[in-house]
Amino acid sequence: MSVSTNDLKNGMTLELDGELWTVLDFLHHKPGKGQAVVRTKLRNVRSGAVLDRTFKADEKVGLAILDKREMQYLYREGDSFVFMDTETYEQSSVPAEVVGDASRYLTEGFAPIVSMYEGTPIAVELPASVVLSVSRTDPGVKGDRVSGALKPASLETGLTVQVPLFVGEGDRVKVDTRTGQYLTREK
């Protein structure tokens, strides 16, 4: 299936030169003289490399149709993660390279979106934030009440984040999955 470069949107996945690319940014440009062009910033789905590419206006490019499924994380097995499709209950093994940084936020039972291309998992998409339990942190020292003071805390997945002094072991904290920063303490 192909699509015109005039119809590109952020987040679309394209098939170019046998590789899958995600559109990060695009700009329609009409110079005073010459043909209109579409400037794009693309990220390779497999390697993560970012490429700036310019297309002629109304040029046809291959559109990759992705199947996005909610899949529940079950467990880690060697260099792969095992997920279960929440509709069909089929289990799939997803390589660690595909999971990438999302592994820092995965807990048993968590259900992220897994993007599949021709039956092969190519990406794991997380929500903007997740709630995780604090497994280890130092107690706040009495008298250390400086506004905005932070201390390191290890979370149940092994991720370490900076949290305010009032956060203790066993507390549940919301963490931004895009930046890895503490957002708030949950009740």
C-alpha atoms as a PDB file:
ATOM      1  CA  MET A   1       0.000   0.000   0.000  1.00  0.00           C
ATOM      2  CA  SER A   2       1.322   3.455  -0.819  1.00  0.00           C
ATOM      3  CA  VAL A   3       0.547   6.950   0.353  1.00  0.00           C
ATOM      4  CA  SER A   4       1.313  10.401  -1.023  1.00  0.00           C
ATOM      5  CA  THR A   5       4.001  12.421   0.760  1.00  0.00           C
ATOM      6  CA  ASN A   6       1.397  15.211   1.012  1.00  0.00           C
ATOM      7  CA  ASP A   7      -0.593  12.967   3.398  1.00  0.00           C
ATOM      8  CA  LEU A   8       2.246  12.134   5.813  1.00  0.00           C
ATOM      9  CA  LYS A   9       1.528  12.451   9.547  1.00  0.00           C
ATOM     10  CA  ASN A  10       3.703  12.098  12.638  1.00  0.00           C
ATOM     11  CA  GLY A  11       3.772   8.505  13.868  1.00  0.00           C
ATOM     12  CA  MET A  12       3.124   6.909  10.458  1.00  0.00           C
ATOM     13  CA  THR A  13       5.328   3.929   9.614  1.00  0.00           C
ATOM     14  CA  LEU A  14       6.764   3.836   6.088  1.00  0.00           C
ATOM     15  CA  GLU A  15       8.532   1.094   4.157  1.00  0.00           C
ATOM     16  CA  LEU A  16      11.509   2.590   2.310  1.00  0.00           C
ATOM     17  CA  ASP A  17      14.379   0.665   0.713  1.00  0.00           C
ATOM     18  CA  GLY A  18      13.373  -2.555   2.520  1.00  0.00           C
ATOM     19  CA  GLU A  19      13.449  -0.904   5.969  1.00  0.00           C
ATOM     20  CA  LEU A  20      10.685   0.362   8.274  1.00  0.00           C
ATOM     21  CA  TRP A  21      10.807   4.058   9.231  1.00  0.00           C
ATOM     22  CA  THR A  22       8.585   6.050  11.614  1.00  0.00           C
ATOM     23  CA  VAL A  23       7.793   9.673  10.697  1.00  0.00           C
ATOM     24  CA  LEU A  24       9.003  11.876  13.571  1.00  0.00           C
ATOM     25  CA  ASP A  25       8.445  15.219  11.863  1.00  0.00           C
ATOM     26  CA  PHE A  26       7.502  16.575   8.440  1.00  0.00           C
ATOM     27  CA  LEU A  27       7.372  19.981   6.773  1.00  0.00           C
ATOM     28  CA  HIS A  28       5.804  20.986   3.472  1.00  0.00           C
ATOM     29  CA  HIS A  29       8.108  23.484   1.754  1.00  0.00           C
ATOM     30  CA  LYS A  30       7.289  25.524  -1.356  1.00  0.00           C
ATOM     31  CA  PRO A  31      10.331  27.461  -2.513  1.00  0.00           C
ATOM     32  CA  GLY A  32       9.795  30.623  -4.542  1.00  0.00           C
ATOM     33  CA  LYS A  33      11.214  28.873  -7.548  1.00  0.00           C
ATOM     34  CA  GLY A  34      10.966  25.162  -8.291  1.00  0.00           C
ATOM     35  CA  GLN A  35       8.872  22.254  -7.152  1.00  0.00           C
ATOM     36  CA  ALA A  36       7.324  21.877  -3.690  1.00  0.00           C
ATOM     37  CA  VAL A  37       8.993  19.326  -1.417  1.00  0.00           C
ATOM     38  CA  VAL A  38       8.250  17.546   1.844  1.00  0.00           C
ATOM     39  CA  ARG A  39      11.125  17.467   4.351  1.00  0.00           C
ATOM     40  CA  THR A  40      10.903  14.625   6.849  1.00  0.00           C
ATOM     41  CA  LYS A  41      12.747  13.340   9.893  1.00  0.00           C
ATOM     42  CA  LEU A  42      12.497   9.543  10.031  1.00  0.00           C
ATOM     43  CA  ARG A  43      13.577   6.978  12.662  1.00  0.00           C
ATOM     44  CA  ASN A  44      14.547   3.447  11.680  1.00  0.00           C
ATOM     45  CA  VAL A  45      12.284   1.067  13.619  1.00  0.00           C
ATOM     46  CA  ARG A  46      14.941  -1.628  14.069  1.00  0.00           C
ATOM     47  CA  SER A  47      18.164   0.362  14.620  1.00  0.00           C
ATOM     48  CA  GLY A  48      16.756   3.645  16.010  1.00  0.00           C
ATOM     49  CA  ALA A  49      18.889   5.691  13.578  1.00  0.00           C
ATOM     50  CA  VAL A  50      17.393   9.077  12.650  1.00  0.00           C
ATOM     51  CA  LEU A  51      17.454  10.260   9.033  1.00  0.00           C
ATOM     52  CA  ASP A  52      16.501  13.544   7.381  1.00  0.00           C
ATOM     53  CA  ARG A  53      14.977  12.853   3.960  1.00  0.00           C
ATOM     54  CA  THR A  54      13.383  15.135   1.391  1.00  0.00           C
ATOM     55  CA  PHE A  55      10.663  13.921  -0.969  1.00  0.00           C
ATOM     56  CA  LYS A  56       9.029  15.593  -3.959  1.00  0.00           C
ATOM     57  CA  ALA A  57       5.504  16.798  -3.220  1.00  0.00           C
ATOM     58  CA  ASP A  58       2.890  14.159  -4.082  1.00  0.00           C
ATOM     59  CA  GLU A  59       5.542  11.412  -4.419  1.00  0.00           C
ATOM     60  CA  LYS A  60       4.248   7.933  -3.521  1.00  0.00           C
ATOM     61  CA  VAL A  61       5.922   6.084  -0.625  1.00  0.00           C
ATOM     62  CA  GLY A  62       5.183   2.659   0.847  1.00  0.00           C
ATOM     63  CA  LEU A  63       2.949   2.644   3.919  1.00  0.00           C
ATOM     64  CA  ALA A  64       3.586  -0.175   6.412  1.00  0.00           C
ATOM     65  CA  ILE A  65       0.412  -1.532   7.993  1.00  0.00           C
ATOM     66  CA  LEU A  66       1.097  -2.309  11.661  1.00  0.00           C
ATOM     67  CA  ASP A  67      -1.061  -4.506  13.835  1.00  0.00           C
ATOM     68  CA  LYS A  68      -1.121  -2.954  17.318  1.00  0.00           C
ATOM     69  CA  ARG A  69      -2.215  -5.337  20.046  1.00  0.00           C
ATOM     70  CA  GLU A  70      -2.564  -5.057  23.791  1.00  0.00           C
ATOM     71  CA  MET A  71      -0.347  -7.783  25.203  1.00  0.00           C
ATOM     72  CA  GLN A  72       0.180  -8.680  28.837  1.00  0.00           C
ATOM     73  CA  TYR A  73       3.781  -9.073  30.024  1.00  0.00           C
ATOM     74  CA  LEU A  74       4.267 -12.464  31.669  1.00  0.00           C
ATOM     75  CA  TYR A  75       7.970 -13.044  32.363  1.00  0.00           C
ATOM     76  CA  ARG A  76      11.528 -12.718  31.076  1.00  0.00           C
ATOM     77  CA  GLU A  77      13.208 -15.758  29.564  1.00  0.00           C
ATOM     78  CA  GLY A  78      16.906 -15.283  28.770  1.00  0.00           C
ATOM     79  CA  ASP A  79      17.280 -12.539  26.126  1.00  0.00           C
ATOM     80  CA  SER A  80      13.570 -12.281  25.407  1.00  0.00           C
ATOM     81  CA  PHE A  81      10.344 -11.206  27.067  1.00  0.00           C
ATOM     82  CA  VAL A  82       7.191 -13.332  26.942  1.00  0.00           C
ATOM     83  CA  PHE A  83       3.898 -11.540  26.260  1.00  0.00           C
ATOM     84  CA  MET A  84       0.349 -12.892  25.986  1.00  0.00           C
ATOM     85  CA  ASP A  85      -2.230 -11.475  23.565  1.00  0.00           C
ATOM     86  CA  THR A  86      -5.170 -10.384  25.764  1.00  0.00           C
ATOM     87  CA  GLU A  87      -7.727 -11.388  23.089  1.00  0.00           C
ATOM     88  CA  THR A  88      -6.433 -14.713  21.743  1.00  0.00           C
ATOM     89  CA  TYR A  89      -4.304 -15.777  24.762  1.00  0.00           C
ATOM     90  CA  GLU A  90      -1.437 -16.668  22.404  1.00  0.00           C
ATOM     91  CA  GLN A  91       2.026 -16.218  23.864  1.00  0.00           C
ATOM     92  CA  SER A  92       4.777 -14.448  21.919  1.00  0.00           C
ATOM     93  CA  SER A  93       8.468 -14.157  22.669  1.00  0.00           C
ATOM     94  CA  VAL A  94       9.759 -10.625  22.014  1.00  0.00           C
ATOM     95  CA  PRO A  95      13.551 -10.087  21.748  1.00  0.00           C
ATOM     96  CA  ALA A  96      15.164  -7.700  24.254  1.00  0.00           C
ATOM     97  CA  GLU A  97      16.341  -5.437  21.380  1.00  0.00           C
ATOM     98  CA  VAL A  98      12.697  -4.849  20.389  1.00  0.00           C
ATOM     99  CA  VAL A  99      11.580  -4.166  23.971  1.00  0.00           C
ATOM    100  CA  GLY A 100      14.483  -1.739  24.502  1.00  0.00           C
ATOM    101  CA  ASP A 101      14.089   0.831  27.293  1.00  0.00           C
ATOM    102  CA  ALA A 102      10.512  -0.303  27.936  1.00  0.00           C
ATOM    103  CA  SER A 103      12.006  -3.193  29.949  1.00  0.00           C
ATOM    104  CA  ARG A 104      12.762  -0.725  32.766  1.00  0.00           C
ATOM    105  CA  TYR A 105       9.012  -0.261  33.341  1.00  0.00           C
ATOM    106  CA  LEU A 106       7.625  -3.789  32.791  1.00  0.00           C
ATOM    107  CA  THR A 107       6.083  -5.634  35.727  1.00  0.00           C
ATOM    108  CA  GLU A 108       4.225  -8.938  35.608  1.00  0.00           C
ATOM    109  CA  GLY A 109       0.648  -8.391  34.470  1.00  0.00           C
ATOM    110  CA  PHE A 110       1.320  -4.985  32.868  1.00  0.00           C
ATOM    111  CA  ALA A 111      -0.278  -4.707  29.404  1.00  0.00           C
ATOM    112  CA  PRO A 112       1.546  -2.408  26.940  1.00  0.00           C
ATOM    113  CA  ILE A 113       0.786  -2.119  23.215  1.00  0.00           C
ATOM    114  CA  VAL A 114       2.979  -4.329  20.997  1.00  0.00           C
ATOM    115  CA  SER A 115       3.281  -3.288  17.336  1.00  0.00           C
ATOM    116  CA  MET A 116       3.499  -6.215  14.914  1.00  0.00           C
ATOM    117  CA  TYR A 117       4.564  -6.097  11.259  1.00  0.00           C
ATOM    118  CA  GLU A 118       3.819  -9.214   9.217  1.00  0.00           C
ATOM    119  CA  GLY A 119       3.492 -11.240  12.438  1.00  0.00           C
ATOM    120  CA  THR A 120       6.831 -10.054  13.878  1.00  0.00           C
ATOM    121  CA  PRO A 121       6.916  -7.765  16.942  1.00  0.00           C
ATOM    122  CA  ILE A 122       8.797  -4.558  16.110  1.00  0.00           C
ATOM    123  CA  ALA A 123       8.062  -2.202  19.038  1.00  0.00           C
ATOM    124  CA  VAL A 124       6.635  -2.020  22.571  1.00  0.00           C
ATOM    125  CA  GLU A 125       4.685   1.168  23.305  1.00  0.00           C
ATOM    126  CA  LEU A 126       4.203   2.307  26.897  1.00  0.00           C
ATOM    127  CA  PRO A 127       1.695   4.798  28.295  1.00  0.00           C
ATOM    128  CA  ALA A 128       3.059   8.238  29.256  1.00  0.00           C
ATOM    129  CA  SER A 129       3.437   7.157  32.889  1.00  0.00           C
ATOM    130  CA  VAL A 130       3.391   4.003  35.018  1.00  0.00           C
ATOM    131  CA  VAL A 131       2.982   3.344  38.751  1.00  0.00           C
ATOM    132  CA  LEU A 132       5.749   1.288  40.400  1.00  0.00           C
ATOM    133  CA  SER A 133       6.570   0.310  43.997  1.00  0.00           C
ATOM    134  CA  VAL A 134       9.673   1.569  45.778  1.00  0.00           C
ATOM    135  CA  SER A 135      11.730  -1.479  46.785  1.00  0.00           C
ATOM    136  CA  ARG A 136      14.651   0.318  48.454  1.00  0.00           C
ATOM    137  CA  THR A 137      15.460   3.868  49.512  1.00  0.00           C
ATOM    138  CA  ASP A 138      17.193   5.587  52.393  1.00  0.00           C
ATOM    139  CA  PRO A 139      14.941   7.113  55.042  1.00  0.00           C
ATOM    140  CA  GLY A 140      14.647  10.892  55.107  1.00  0.00           C
ATOM    141  CA  VAL A 141      16.971  12.371  57.739  1.00  0.00           C
ATOM    142  CA  LYS A 142      15.232  14.409  60.440  1.00  0.00           C
ATOM    143  CA  GLY A 143      16.097  18.062  60.008  1.00  0.00           C
ATOM    144  CA  ASP A 144      16.910  17.631  56.301  1.00  0.00           C
ATOM    145  CA  ARG A 145      13.892  19.574  55.112  1.00  0.00           C
ATOM    146  CA  VAL A 146      15.392  21.601  52.303  1.00  0.00           C
ATOM    147  CA  SER A 147      12.709  22.419  49.772  1.00  0.00           C
ATOM    148  CA  GLY A 148      13.024  20.243  46.688  1.00  0.00           C
ATOM    149  CA  ALA A 149      15.629  17.891  48.180  1.00  0.00           C
ATOM    150  CA  LEU A 150      15.796  14.506  46.424  1.00  0.00           C
ATOM    151  CA  LYS A 151      17.195  11.061  47.181  1.00  0.00           C
ATOM    152  CA  PRO A 152      17.670   7.945  44.995  1.00  0.00           C
ATOM    153  CA  ALA A 153      15.066   5.162  45.153  1.00  0.00           C
ATOM    154  CA  SER A 154      15.221   1.701  43.566  1.00  0.00           C
ATOM    155  CA  LEU A 155      11.917   0.579  42.094  1.00  0.00           C
ATOM    156  CA  GLU A 156      10.540  -2.961  41.739  1.00  0.00           C
ATOM    157  CA  THR A 157      11.831  -3.233  38.142  1.00  0.00           C
ATOM    158  CA  GLY A 158      15.385  -2.235  39.096  1.00  0.00           C
ATOM    159  CA  LEU A 159      15.006   1.325  37.794  1.00  0.00           C
ATOM    160  CA  THR A 160      16.529   4.034  40.024  1.00  0.00           C
ATOM    161  CA  VAL A 161      14.836   7.445  40.139  1.00  0.00           C
ATOM    162  CA  GLN A 162      15.287  10.588  42.229  1.00  0.00           C
ATOM    163  CA  VAL A 163      12.348  11.047  44.630  1.00  0.00           C
ATOM    164  CA  PRO A 164      11.469  13.598  47.348  1.00  0.00           C
ATOM    165  CA  LEU A 165      12.607  12.873  50.918  1.00  0.00           C
ATOM    166  CA  PHE A 166       9.091  11.914  52.111  1.00  0.00           C
ATOM    167  CA  VAL A 167       8.906   8.847  49.825  1.00  0.00           C
ATOM    168  CA  GLY A 168       9.643   5.604  51.689  1.00  0.00           C
ATOM    169  CA  GLU A 169      10.013   1.903  50.963  1.00  0.00           C
ATOM    170  CA  GLY A 170       6.745   0.289  49.888  1.00  0.00           C
ATOM    171  CA  ASP A 171       5.296   3.554  48.538  1.00  0.00           C
ATOM    172  CA  ARG A 172       3.922   3.539  45.008  1.00  0.00           C
ATOM    173  CA  VAL A 173       5.208   6.296  42.733  1.00  0.00           C
ATOM    174  CA  LYS A 174       4.193   7.470  39.269  1.00  0.00           C
ATOM    175  CA  VAL A 175       7.118   7.666  36.824  1.00  0.00           C
ATOM    176  CA  ASP A 176       7.192   9.359  33.408  1.00  0.00           C
ATOM    177  CA  THR A 177       8.169   6.648  30.865  1.00  0.00           C
ATOM    178  CA  ARG A 178       9.519   9.201  28.378  1.00  0.00           C
ATOM    179  CA  THR A 179      12.022  10.845  30.759  1.00  0.00           C
ATOM    180  CA  GLY A 180      12.339   8.327  33.610  1.00  0.00           C
ATOM    181  CA  GLN A 181      11.549  11.022  36.192  1.00  0.00           C
ATOM    182  CA  TYR A 182       9.406  10.851  39.315  1.00  0.00           C
ATOM    183  CA  LEU A 183       6.007  12.539  38.911  1.00  0.00           C
ATOM    184  CA  THR A 184       4.029  11.945  42.113  1.00  0.00           C
ATOM    185  CA  ARG A 185       3.380   9.525  44.982  1.00  0.00           C
ATOM    186  CA  GLU A 186       0.261   7.388  44.602  1.00  0.00           C
ATOM    187  CA  LYS A 187      -2.094   6.449  47.409  1.00  0.00           C
END
